[in-house]
N, C-alpha and C. Protein backbone atom coordinates (compact mmCIF):
# COMPACT_ATOMS: atom_id res chain seq x y z
N UNK A 1 28.69 9.87 -18.94
CA UNK A 1 28.15 9.30 -17.71
C UNK A 1 26.65 9.00 -17.85
N UNK A 2 25.93 9.88 -18.48
CA UNK A 2 24.49 9.66 -18.63
C UNK A 2 24.20 8.38 -19.40
N UNK A 3 24.95 8.16 -20.49
CA UNK A 3 24.70 6.98 -21.30
C UNK A 3 24.92 5.72 -20.47
N UNK A 4 25.97 5.72 -19.66
CA UNK A 4 26.27 4.56 -18.84
C UNK A 4 25.19 4.36 -17.78
N UNK A 5 24.76 5.43 -17.14
CA UNK A 5 23.71 5.34 -16.14
C UNK A 5 22.42 4.80 -16.75
N UNK A 6 22.07 5.34 -17.89
CA UNK A 6 20.86 4.89 -18.57
C UNK A 6 20.98 3.41 -18.88
N UNK A 7 22.14 2.97 -19.29
CA UNK A 7 22.36 1.57 -19.62
C UNK A 7 22.16 0.68 -18.39
N UNK A 8 22.67 1.10 -17.26
CA UNK A 8 22.51 0.33 -16.02
C UNK A 8 21.04 0.26 -15.65
N UNK A 9 20.34 1.39 -15.73
CA UNK A 9 18.92 1.41 -15.41
C UNK A 9 18.12 0.54 -16.36
N UNK A 10 18.48 0.55 -17.63
CA UNK A 10 17.79 -0.30 -18.60
C UNK A 10 18.01 -1.77 -18.27
N UNK A 11 19.23 -2.12 -17.88
CA UNK A 11 19.52 -3.51 -17.53
C UNK A 11 18.72 -3.95 -16.31
N UNK A 12 18.63 -3.08 -15.32
CA UNK A 12 17.84 -3.40 -14.13
C UNK A 12 16.36 -3.58 -14.50
N UNK A 13 15.86 -2.71 -15.36
CA UNK A 13 14.48 -2.83 -15.82
C UNK A 13 14.25 -4.13 -16.55
N UNK A 14 15.17 -4.48 -17.43
CA UNK A 14 15.05 -5.72 -18.19
C UNK A 14 15.11 -6.94 -17.27
N UNK A 15 15.95 -6.88 -16.28
CA UNK A 15 16.05 -7.98 -15.32
C UNK A 15 14.73 -8.15 -14.59
N UNK A 16 14.16 -7.05 -14.14
CA UNK A 16 12.88 -7.08 -13.44
C UNK A 16 11.78 -7.60 -14.36
N UNK A 17 11.75 -7.15 -15.59
CA UNK A 17 10.72 -7.56 -16.54
C UNK A 17 10.85 -9.05 -16.89
N UNK A 18 12.06 -9.55 -16.94
CA UNK A 18 12.26 -10.95 -17.32
C UNK A 18 11.80 -11.90 -16.22
N UNK A 19 11.68 -11.40 -15.01
CA UNK A 19 11.23 -12.25 -13.91
C UNK A 19 9.73 -12.48 -13.98
N UNK A 20 8.99 -11.56 -14.58
CA UNK A 20 7.56 -11.71 -14.85
C UNK A 20 6.72 -12.19 -13.70
N UNK A 21 6.26 -13.44 -13.81
CA UNK A 21 5.34 -14.02 -12.83
C UNK A 21 5.94 -14.04 -11.43
N UNK A 22 7.22 -14.32 -11.36
CA UNK A 22 7.89 -14.37 -10.05
C UNK A 22 7.85 -13.00 -9.38
N UNK A 23 8.07 -11.94 -10.15
CA UNK A 23 8.05 -10.58 -9.61
C UNK A 23 6.64 -10.21 -9.16
N UNK A 24 5.64 -10.61 -9.92
CA UNK A 24 4.26 -10.32 -9.56
C UNK A 24 3.90 -11.05 -8.26
N UNK A 25 4.29 -12.29 -8.15
CA UNK A 25 4.01 -13.06 -6.94
C UNK A 25 4.69 -12.42 -5.73
N UNK A 26 5.94 -12.06 -5.89
CA UNK A 26 6.71 -11.44 -4.80
C UNK A 26 6.10 -10.10 -4.39
N UNK A 27 5.77 -9.28 -5.36
CA UNK A 27 5.17 -7.98 -5.07
C UNK A 27 3.82 -8.15 -4.38
N UNK A 28 3.01 -9.06 -4.88
CA UNK A 28 1.71 -9.33 -4.27
C UNK A 28 1.84 -9.78 -2.83
N UNK A 29 2.77 -10.67 -2.58
CA UNK A 29 3.00 -11.16 -1.22
C UNK A 29 3.40 -10.02 -0.29
N UNK A 30 4.30 -9.17 -0.75
CA UNK A 30 4.75 -8.04 0.06
C UNK A 30 3.60 -7.08 0.36
N UNK A 31 2.77 -6.81 -0.63
CA UNK A 31 1.64 -5.90 -0.44
C UNK A 31 0.64 -6.49 0.56
N UNK A 32 0.34 -7.77 0.43
CA UNK A 32 -0.62 -8.41 1.34
C UNK A 32 -0.09 -8.39 2.77
N UNK A 33 1.19 -8.71 2.96
CA UNK A 33 1.77 -8.69 4.30
C UNK A 33 1.73 -7.29 4.88
N UNK A 34 1.99 -6.28 4.06
CA UNK A 34 1.92 -4.89 4.53
C UNK A 34 0.50 -4.52 4.92
N UNK A 35 -0.47 -4.94 4.13
CA UNK A 35 -1.87 -4.64 4.42
C UNK A 35 -2.30 -5.31 5.73
N UNK A 36 -1.90 -6.55 5.94
CA UNK A 36 -2.23 -7.26 7.18
C UNK A 36 -1.62 -6.53 8.37
N UNK A 37 -0.36 -6.10 8.24
CA UNK A 37 0.30 -5.36 9.31
C UNK A 37 -0.42 -4.04 9.60
N UNK A 38 -0.85 -3.34 8.55
CA UNK A 38 -1.58 -2.09 8.72
C UNK A 38 -2.89 -2.33 9.46
N UNK A 39 -3.64 -3.34 9.07
CA UNK A 39 -4.91 -3.64 9.73
C UNK A 39 -4.70 -4.00 11.19
N UNK A 40 -3.63 -4.72 11.50
CA UNK A 40 -3.32 -5.04 12.89
C UNK A 40 -3.02 -3.77 13.68
N UNK A 41 -2.25 -2.87 13.07
CA UNK A 41 -1.93 -1.60 13.75
C UNK A 41 -3.18 -0.76 13.98
N UNK A 42 -4.06 -0.74 13.00
CA UNK A 42 -5.31 0.01 13.14
C UNK A 42 -6.10 -0.55 14.32
N UNK A 43 -6.21 -1.87 14.40
CA UNK A 43 -6.97 -2.50 15.49
C UNK A 43 -6.33 -2.29 16.86
N UNK A 44 -5.01 -2.19 16.89
CA UNK A 44 -4.31 -1.94 18.16
C UNK A 44 -4.40 -0.48 18.58
N UNK A 45 -4.51 0.42 17.62
CA UNK A 45 -4.44 1.86 17.90
C UNK A 45 -5.79 2.48 18.21
N UNK A 46 -6.84 2.03 17.54
CA UNK A 46 -8.15 2.69 17.65
C UNK A 46 -9.18 1.78 18.31
N UNK A 47 -10.24 2.43 18.81
CA UNK A 47 -11.34 1.66 19.39
C UNK A 47 -12.01 0.85 18.28
N UNK A 48 -12.84 -0.11 18.67
CA UNK A 48 -13.43 -1.06 17.72
C UNK A 48 -14.23 -0.37 16.62
N UNK A 49 -15.03 0.63 16.97
CA UNK A 49 -15.86 1.32 15.99
C UNK A 49 -15.01 2.06 14.95
N UNK A 50 -14.02 2.80 15.43
CA UNK A 50 -13.13 3.55 14.53
C UNK A 50 -12.30 2.60 13.67
N UNK A 51 -11.79 1.53 14.27
CA UNK A 51 -10.99 0.56 13.53
C UNK A 51 -11.80 -0.08 12.42
N UNK A 52 -13.05 -0.43 12.72
CA UNK A 52 -13.92 -1.03 11.71
C UNK A 52 -14.15 -0.07 10.55
N UNK A 53 -14.39 1.20 10.88
CA UNK A 53 -14.61 2.22 9.85
C UNK A 53 -13.36 2.40 8.98
N UNK A 54 -12.19 2.45 9.59
CA UNK A 54 -10.94 2.62 8.83
C UNK A 54 -10.65 1.38 7.97
N UNK A 55 -10.92 0.20 8.50
CA UNK A 55 -10.74 -1.03 7.71
C UNK A 55 -11.64 -1.01 6.48
N UNK A 56 -12.90 -0.61 6.69
CA UNK A 56 -13.85 -0.53 5.58
C UNK A 56 -13.37 0.46 4.53
N UNK A 57 -12.93 1.62 4.98
CA UNK A 57 -12.43 2.63 4.04
C UNK A 57 -11.19 2.13 3.29
N UNK A 58 -10.32 1.42 4.01
CA UNK A 58 -9.11 0.89 3.40
C UNK A 58 -9.45 -0.10 2.28
N UNK A 59 -10.34 -1.03 2.58
CA UNK A 59 -10.73 -2.03 1.58
C UNK A 59 -11.47 -1.40 0.39
N UNK A 60 -12.33 -0.44 0.68
CA UNK A 60 -13.03 0.26 -0.41
C UNK A 60 -12.07 1.06 -1.27
N UNK A 61 -11.04 1.63 -0.67
CA UNK A 61 -10.04 2.36 -1.43
C UNK A 61 -9.29 1.45 -2.40
N UNK A 62 -9.01 0.24 -1.93
CA UNK A 62 -8.33 -0.73 -2.80
C UNK A 62 -9.25 -1.10 -3.97
N UNK A 63 -10.52 -1.39 -3.66
CA UNK A 63 -11.47 -1.74 -4.72
C UNK A 63 -11.62 -0.62 -5.73
N UNK A 64 -11.67 0.62 -5.24
CA UNK A 64 -11.87 1.77 -6.12
C UNK A 64 -10.58 2.19 -6.83
N UNK A 65 -9.45 1.71 -6.34
CA UNK A 65 -8.17 2.08 -6.94
C UNK A 65 -7.75 3.51 -6.60
N UNK A 66 -8.22 3.98 -5.45
CA UNK A 66 -7.90 5.35 -5.03
C UNK A 66 -7.78 5.38 -3.51
N UNK A 67 -6.81 6.10 -3.02
CA UNK A 67 -6.60 6.18 -1.57
C UNK A 67 -7.41 7.29 -0.92
N UNK A 68 -8.17 8.03 -1.70
CA UNK A 68 -8.88 9.21 -1.22
C UNK A 68 -9.80 8.91 -0.03
N UNK A 69 -10.61 7.85 -0.11
CA UNK A 69 -11.54 7.54 0.97
C UNK A 69 -10.81 7.19 2.26
N UNK A 70 -9.71 6.46 2.14
CA UNK A 70 -8.95 6.09 3.33
C UNK A 70 -8.32 7.32 3.96
N UNK A 71 -7.73 8.17 3.14
CA UNK A 71 -7.09 9.39 3.64
C UNK A 71 -8.13 10.27 4.34
N UNK A 72 -9.31 10.38 3.75
CA UNK A 72 -10.39 11.16 4.36
C UNK A 72 -10.75 10.61 5.73
N UNK A 73 -10.86 9.30 5.84
CA UNK A 73 -11.18 8.65 7.12
C UNK A 73 -10.13 8.89 8.17
N UNK A 74 -8.88 8.75 7.80
CA UNK A 74 -7.78 8.98 8.76
C UNK A 74 -7.78 10.44 9.19
N UNK A 75 -8.00 11.34 8.24
CA UNK A 75 -8.04 12.77 8.59
C UNK A 75 -9.17 13.08 9.56
N UNK A 76 -10.32 12.43 9.40
CA UNK A 76 -11.44 12.62 10.33
C UNK A 76 -11.06 12.17 11.74
N UNK A 77 -10.37 11.05 11.84
CA UNK A 77 -9.94 10.55 13.14
C UNK A 77 -8.95 11.52 13.77
N UNK A 78 -8.02 12.03 12.99
CA UNK A 78 -7.03 12.98 13.50
C UNK A 78 -7.72 14.25 13.98
N UNK A 79 -8.67 14.75 13.21
CA UNK A 79 -9.40 15.97 13.58
C UNK A 79 -10.21 15.76 14.85
N UNK A 80 -10.81 14.58 15.02
CA UNK A 80 -11.63 14.33 16.20
C UNK A 80 -10.80 14.24 17.47
N UNK A 81 -9.51 13.93 17.33
CA UNK A 81 -8.63 13.84 18.51
C UNK A 81 -8.19 15.21 18.99
N UNK A 82 -8.29 16.21 18.12
CA UNK A 82 -7.81 17.57 18.50
C UNK A 82 -8.75 18.25 19.42
């Protein structure tokens, strides 16, 4: 069973890899749409000052390649509500 499962997973991986540019475009589009939706939710949920700060942290986290700054910002907002 393991050999067969591994074979199916390998085939799926190869299929994904063979799509190359198309897969990158599709993934990029999905990520951008998700980011836009997140920013809209932030603006709907928080006051202007907090939303601006969270947006800044979100964009800086993407630039830095780490979610730490964004998580810290969200945690600060959660703590301030308590």
